[in-house]
Amino acid sequence: NAVKYNRPGGSITMALRRADDTAEFTIANTGPGIAPEALPRVFDRFFRGDPAHSDEVEGCGLGLSIAHWIVSVHNGAIRIESVPSELTTVTVRLPLEPPAVERQSE
């Protein structure tokens, strides 16, 4: 999605870091962004944020729903922040596996 929904000549940034007991992955692009009223629905199955452009970009609105499901079954969290025409950032946090020593003592 970061590539698909970016503007021509736009940029994409990615970062991975440890945040407490989680791995945090962020990806951001400089595309058209997501309207504030659409943000609460972006993880809904078959939701397309901009129906006016739905024929221009291939897809059926399942990608973010599937990403949300995958992150959820791994006890993680996913969120999207967007400033239209500036920057959209997706953040995924997944729990890190405890060290082997801790697992053996349980």
N, C-alpha and C. Protein backbone atom coordinates (compact mmCIF):
# COMPACT_ATOMS: atom_id res chain seq x y z
N ASN A 1 0.81 -1.19 0.00
CA ASN A 1 0.00 0.00 0.00
C ASN A 1 0.86 1.26 0.00
N ALA A 2 2.00 1.23 0.66
CA ALA A 2 2.85 2.42 0.71
C ALA A 2 3.30 2.82 -0.69
N VAL A 3 3.55 1.83 -1.54
CA VAL A 3 3.94 2.11 -2.92
C VAL A 3 2.71 2.42 -3.76
N LYS A 4 1.72 1.58 -3.64
CA LYS A 4 0.51 1.70 -4.46
C LYS A 4 -0.20 3.04 -4.28
N TYR A 5 -0.24 3.53 -3.05
CA TYR A 5 -0.97 4.75 -2.75
C TYR A 5 -0.05 5.95 -2.52
N ASN A 6 1.14 5.91 -3.08
CA ASN A 6 2.04 7.05 -2.99
C ASN A 6 1.84 7.94 -4.20
N ARG A 7 2.30 9.16 -4.11
CA ARG A 7 2.21 10.05 -5.27
C ARG A 7 3.46 9.86 -6.13
N PRO A 8 3.39 10.19 -7.41
CA PRO A 8 4.59 10.08 -8.26
C PRO A 8 5.73 10.91 -7.68
N GLY A 9 6.88 10.30 -7.55
CA GLY A 9 8.04 11.01 -7.00
C GLY A 9 8.00 11.13 -5.48
N GLY A 10 7.01 10.52 -4.84
CA GLY A 10 6.89 10.58 -3.38
C GLY A 10 7.94 9.72 -2.70
N SER A 11 7.97 9.78 -1.40
CA SER A 11 8.96 9.00 -0.66
C SER A 11 8.27 8.02 0.29
N ILE A 12 9.03 6.97 0.64
CA ILE A 12 8.59 5.97 1.59
C ILE A 12 9.73 5.79 2.58
N THR A 13 9.40 5.77 3.86
CA THR A 13 10.40 5.51 4.88
C THR A 13 9.94 4.34 5.73
N MET A 14 10.91 3.55 6.19
CA MET A 14 10.62 2.41 7.06
C MET A 14 11.59 2.42 8.22
N ALA A 15 11.12 1.93 9.36
CA ALA A 15 11.99 1.83 10.54
C ALA A 15 11.55 0.62 11.36
N LEU A 16 12.52 0.01 12.00
CA LEU A 16 12.26 -1.11 12.91
C LEU A 16 13.07 -0.83 14.17
N ARG A 17 12.38 -0.90 15.31
CA ARG A 17 13.09 -0.65 16.57
C ARG A 17 12.47 -1.48 17.68
N ARG A 18 13.23 -1.62 18.74
CA ARG A 18 12.70 -2.28 19.94
C ARG A 18 12.04 -1.21 20.79
N ALA A 19 10.82 -1.46 21.21
CA ALA A 19 10.09 -0.54 22.09
C ALA A 19 9.60 -1.35 23.28
N ASP A 20 10.33 -1.26 24.38
CA ASP A 20 10.05 -2.06 25.57
C ASP A 20 10.10 -3.54 25.20
N ASP A 21 9.01 -4.27 25.38
CA ASP A 21 9.01 -5.71 25.09
C ASP A 21 8.36 -6.02 23.75
N THR A 22 8.38 -5.03 22.83
CA THR A 22 7.80 -5.23 21.50
C THR A 22 8.79 -4.81 20.41
N ALA A 23 8.55 -5.35 19.22
CA ALA A 23 9.22 -4.87 18.02
C ALA A 23 8.25 -3.91 17.36
N GLU A 24 8.73 -2.74 17.01
CA GLU A 24 7.87 -1.73 16.39
C GLU A 24 8.37 -1.44 14.98
N PHE A 25 7.49 -1.68 14.02
CA PHE A 25 7.80 -1.42 12.61
C PHE A 25 6.91 -0.28 12.15
N THR A 26 7.52 0.73 11.53
CA THR A 26 6.74 1.83 10.97
C THR A 26 7.08 1.97 9.50
N ILE A 27 6.07 2.29 8.74
CA ILE A 27 6.24 2.60 7.32
C ILE A 27 5.38 3.81 7.02
N ALA A 28 5.95 4.76 6.31
CA ALA A 28 5.24 6.00 6.01
C ALA A 28 5.44 6.36 4.54
N ASN A 29 4.42 7.01 3.98
CA ASN A 29 4.56 7.51 2.61
C ASN A 29 4.01 8.92 2.51
N THR A 30 4.34 9.55 1.40
CA THR A 30 3.94 10.94 1.16
C THR A 30 2.81 11.02 0.14
N GLY A 31 1.95 10.01 0.15
CA GLY A 31 0.84 9.95 -0.79
C GLY A 31 -0.27 10.92 -0.44
N PRO A 32 -1.44 10.72 -1.04
CA PRO A 32 -2.56 11.64 -0.83
C PRO A 32 -3.13 11.57 0.58
N GLY A 33 -2.82 10.51 1.31
CA GLY A 33 -3.30 10.39 2.68
C GLY A 33 -4.70 9.81 2.76
N ILE A 34 -5.18 9.72 3.97
CA ILE A 34 -6.49 9.15 4.26
C ILE A 34 -7.31 10.22 4.96
N ALA A 35 -8.51 10.44 4.48
CA ALA A 35 -9.39 11.45 5.08
C ALA A 35 -9.69 11.08 6.52
N PRO A 36 -9.77 12.05 7.42
CA PRO A 36 -10.03 11.74 8.84
C PRO A 36 -11.29 10.90 9.05
N GLU A 37 -12.33 11.14 8.27
CA GLU A 37 -13.56 10.37 8.44
C GLU A 37 -13.42 8.92 7.98
N ALA A 38 -12.41 8.62 7.17
CA ALA A 38 -12.19 7.25 6.70
C ALA A 38 -11.29 6.45 7.63
N LEU A 39 -10.47 7.11 8.44
CA LEU A 39 -9.52 6.40 9.30
C LEU A 39 -10.15 5.33 10.19
N PRO A 40 -11.31 5.57 10.81
CA PRO A 40 -11.88 4.52 11.66
C PRO A 40 -12.28 3.25 10.90
N ARG A 41 -12.39 3.33 9.58
CA ARG A 41 -12.86 2.18 8.80
C ARG A 41 -11.77 1.47 8.00
N VAL A 42 -10.53 1.94 8.05
CA VAL A 42 -9.50 1.40 7.16
C VAL A 42 -9.23 -0.08 7.34
N PHE A 43 -9.55 -0.64 8.51
CA PHE A 43 -9.32 -2.07 8.74
C PHE A 43 -10.56 -2.91 8.46
N ASP A 44 -11.66 -2.27 8.04
CA ASP A 44 -12.88 -3.00 7.68
C ASP A 44 -12.68 -3.73 6.36
N ARG A 45 -13.18 -4.97 6.29
CA ARG A 45 -13.08 -5.73 5.04
C ARG A 45 -13.81 -5.00 3.92
N PHE A 46 -13.20 -4.98 2.76
CA PHE A 46 -13.73 -4.41 1.51
C PHE A 46 -13.86 -2.89 1.53
N PHE A 47 -13.36 -2.22 2.57
CA PHE A 47 -13.44 -0.76 2.60
C PHE A 47 -12.37 -0.17 1.69
N ARG A 48 -12.77 0.72 0.83
CA ARG A 48 -11.85 1.48 -0.03
C ARG A 48 -12.00 2.94 0.37
N GLY A 49 -10.93 3.55 0.78
CA GLY A 49 -10.97 4.89 1.34
C GLY A 49 -11.43 5.98 0.41
N ASP A 50 -11.19 5.83 -0.89
CA ASP A 50 -11.55 6.89 -1.83
C ASP A 50 -12.32 6.28 -3.00
N PRO A 51 -13.65 6.18 -2.87
CA PRO A 51 -14.43 5.53 -3.93
C PRO A 51 -14.31 6.23 -5.28
N ALA A 52 -13.97 7.49 -5.29
CA ALA A 52 -13.84 8.21 -6.56
C ALA A 52 -12.68 7.69 -7.38
N HIS A 53 -11.68 7.11 -6.71
CA HIS A 53 -10.50 6.61 -7.42
C HIS A 53 -10.43 5.09 -7.41
N SER A 54 -11.49 4.42 -7.05
CA SER A 54 -11.43 2.96 -6.90
C SER A 54 -11.11 2.24 -8.20
N ASP A 55 -11.40 2.83 -9.36
CA ASP A 55 -11.07 2.18 -10.62
C ASP A 55 -9.62 2.43 -11.03
N GLU A 56 -8.99 3.46 -10.46
CA GLU A 56 -7.62 3.80 -10.83
C GLU A 56 -6.60 2.88 -10.17
N VAL A 57 -6.90 2.38 -8.98
CA VAL A 57 -5.97 1.55 -8.24
C VAL A 57 -6.61 0.18 -8.02
N GLU A 58 -5.88 -0.86 -8.43
CA GLU A 58 -6.40 -2.21 -8.27
C GLU A 58 -6.49 -2.59 -6.80
N GLY A 59 -7.41 -3.46 -6.50
CA GLY A 59 -7.57 -3.97 -5.15
C GLY A 59 -9.03 -4.11 -4.80
N CYS A 60 -9.26 -4.83 -3.70
CA CYS A 60 -10.66 -5.04 -3.29
C CYS A 60 -10.89 -4.62 -1.84
N GLY A 61 -9.91 -3.99 -1.20
CA GLY A 61 -10.12 -3.52 0.16
C GLY A 61 -9.92 -4.57 1.23
N LEU A 62 -9.09 -5.57 0.96
CA LEU A 62 -8.85 -6.61 1.96
C LEU A 62 -7.47 -6.52 2.62
N GLY A 63 -6.54 -5.83 2.02
CA GLY A 63 -5.16 -5.82 2.50
C GLY A 63 -5.00 -5.40 3.94
N LEU A 64 -5.56 -4.26 4.32
CA LEU A 64 -5.41 -3.80 5.70
C LEU A 64 -6.22 -4.64 6.68
N SER A 65 -7.33 -5.20 6.22
CA SER A 65 -8.12 -6.10 7.07
C SER A 65 -7.30 -7.35 7.38
N ILE A 66 -6.63 -7.90 6.39
CA ILE A 66 -5.78 -9.08 6.59
C ILE A 66 -4.60 -8.73 7.48
N ALA A 67 -3.97 -7.57 7.26
CA ALA A 67 -2.85 -7.15 8.10
C ALA A 67 -3.30 -7.03 9.56
N HIS A 68 -4.47 -6.45 9.78
CA HIS A 68 -5.01 -6.29 11.13
C HIS A 68 -5.21 -7.66 11.79
N TRP A 69 -5.76 -8.61 11.04
CA TRP A 69 -5.99 -9.95 11.56
C TRP A 69 -4.66 -10.64 11.94
N ILE A 70 -3.68 -10.56 11.05
CA ILE A 70 -2.37 -11.18 11.31
C ILE A 70 -1.74 -10.60 12.57
N VAL A 71 -1.75 -9.28 12.68
CA VAL A 71 -1.16 -8.63 13.85
C VAL A 71 -1.92 -9.03 15.11
N SER A 72 -3.24 -9.08 15.03
CA SER A 72 -4.07 -9.44 16.20
C SER A 72 -3.80 -10.86 16.69
N VAL A 73 -3.70 -11.82 15.77
CA VAL A 73 -3.47 -13.20 16.21
C VAL A 73 -2.07 -13.40 16.80
N HIS A 74 -1.19 -12.43 16.57
CA HIS A 74 0.13 -12.47 17.18
C HIS A 74 0.20 -11.56 18.40
N ASN A 75 -0.97 -11.18 18.93
CA ASN A 75 -1.07 -10.34 20.13
C ASN A 75 -0.39 -8.98 19.97
N GLY A 76 -0.47 -8.45 18.77
CA GLY A 76 0.13 -7.15 18.51
C GLY A 76 -0.92 -6.07 18.31
N ALA A 77 -0.45 -4.94 17.83
CA ALA A 77 -1.33 -3.79 17.58
C ALA A 77 -0.89 -3.12 16.29
N ILE A 78 -1.85 -2.58 15.56
CA ILE A 78 -1.56 -1.85 14.33
C ILE A 78 -2.39 -0.57 14.35
N ARG A 79 -1.77 0.52 13.92
CA ARG A 79 -2.51 1.78 13.85
C ARG A 79 -2.05 2.58 12.64
N ILE A 80 -2.93 3.44 12.20
CA ILE A 80 -2.62 4.31 11.05
C ILE A 80 -2.90 5.75 11.45
N GLU A 81 -1.95 6.60 11.13
CA GLU A 81 -2.12 8.04 11.31
C GLU A 81 -1.92 8.68 9.95
N SER A 82 -2.72 9.69 9.64
CA SER A 82 -2.59 10.30 8.32
C SER A 82 -2.91 11.78 8.38
N VAL A 83 -2.06 12.55 7.72
CA VAL A 83 -2.31 13.96 7.48
C VAL A 83 -2.46 14.06 5.96
N PRO A 84 -3.71 14.22 5.47
CA PRO A 84 -3.94 14.24 4.03
C PRO A 84 -2.99 15.19 3.29
N SER A 85 -2.51 14.70 2.16
CA SER A 85 -1.57 15.41 1.27
C SER A 85 -0.19 15.61 1.89
N GLU A 86 0.08 14.98 3.04
CA GLU A 86 1.40 15.14 3.65
C GLU A 86 2.05 13.79 3.95
N LEU A 87 1.50 13.06 4.93
CA LEU A 87 2.16 11.84 5.39
C LEU A 87 1.15 10.87 5.99
N THR A 88 1.30 9.61 5.64
CA THR A 88 0.52 8.53 6.25
C THR A 88 1.52 7.56 6.86
N THR A 89 1.30 7.21 8.11
CA THR A 89 2.21 6.33 8.83
C THR A 89 1.44 5.15 9.41
N VAL A 90 1.92 3.95 9.13
CA VAL A 90 1.37 2.72 9.71
C VAL A 90 2.40 2.21 10.71
N THR A 91 1.93 1.90 11.91
CA THR A 91 2.80 1.39 12.96
C THR A 91 2.28 0.03 13.40
N VAL A 92 3.17 -0.96 13.38
CA VAL A 92 2.84 -2.31 13.83
C VAL A 92 3.74 -2.62 15.02
N ARG A 93 3.11 -3.07 16.11
CA ARG A 93 3.86 -3.49 17.29
C ARG A 93 3.54 -4.95 17.57
N LEU A 94 4.59 -5.76 17.67
CA LEU A 94 4.45 -7.18 17.96
C LEU A 94 5.27 -7.53 19.18
N PRO A 95 4.73 -8.36 20.07
CA PRO A 95 5.49 -8.73 21.27
C PRO A 95 6.73 -9.53 20.89
N LEU A 96 7.80 -9.25 21.60
CA LEU A 96 9.02 -10.03 21.41
C LEU A 96 8.92 -11.30 22.23
N GLU A 97 9.49 -12.35 21.71
CA GLU A 97 9.50 -13.63 22.42
C GLU A 97 10.41 -13.49 23.63
N PRO A 98 9.96 -13.99 24.78
CA PRO A 98 10.84 -13.91 25.96
C PRO A 98 12.11 -14.74 25.72
N PRO A 99 13.21 -14.36 26.37
CA PRO A 99 14.44 -15.14 26.21
C PRO A 99 14.21 -16.59 26.61
N ALA A 100 14.99 -17.50 26.03
CA ALA A 100 14.83 -18.94 26.26
C ALA A 100 14.89 -19.29 27.74
N VAL A 101 15.71 -18.63 28.54
CA VAL A 101 15.84 -18.91 29.97
C VAL A 101 14.51 -18.70 30.66
N GLU A 102 13.84 -17.60 30.35
CA GLU A 102 12.53 -17.30 30.97
C GLU A 102 11.48 -18.33 30.59
N ARG A 103 11.48 -18.78 29.34
CA ARG A 103 10.48 -19.74 28.89
C ARG A 103 10.64 -21.08 29.61
N GLN A 104 11.88 -21.49 29.89
CA GLN A 104 12.12 -22.77 30.53
C GLN A 104 11.67 -22.78 31.98
N SER A 105 11.69 -21.62 32.63
CA SER A 105 11.34 -21.56 34.03
C SER A 105 9.84 -21.50 34.26
N GLU A 106 9.05 -21.36 33.24
CA GLU A 106 7.60 -21.26 33.40
C GLU A 106 6.94 -22.59 33.59
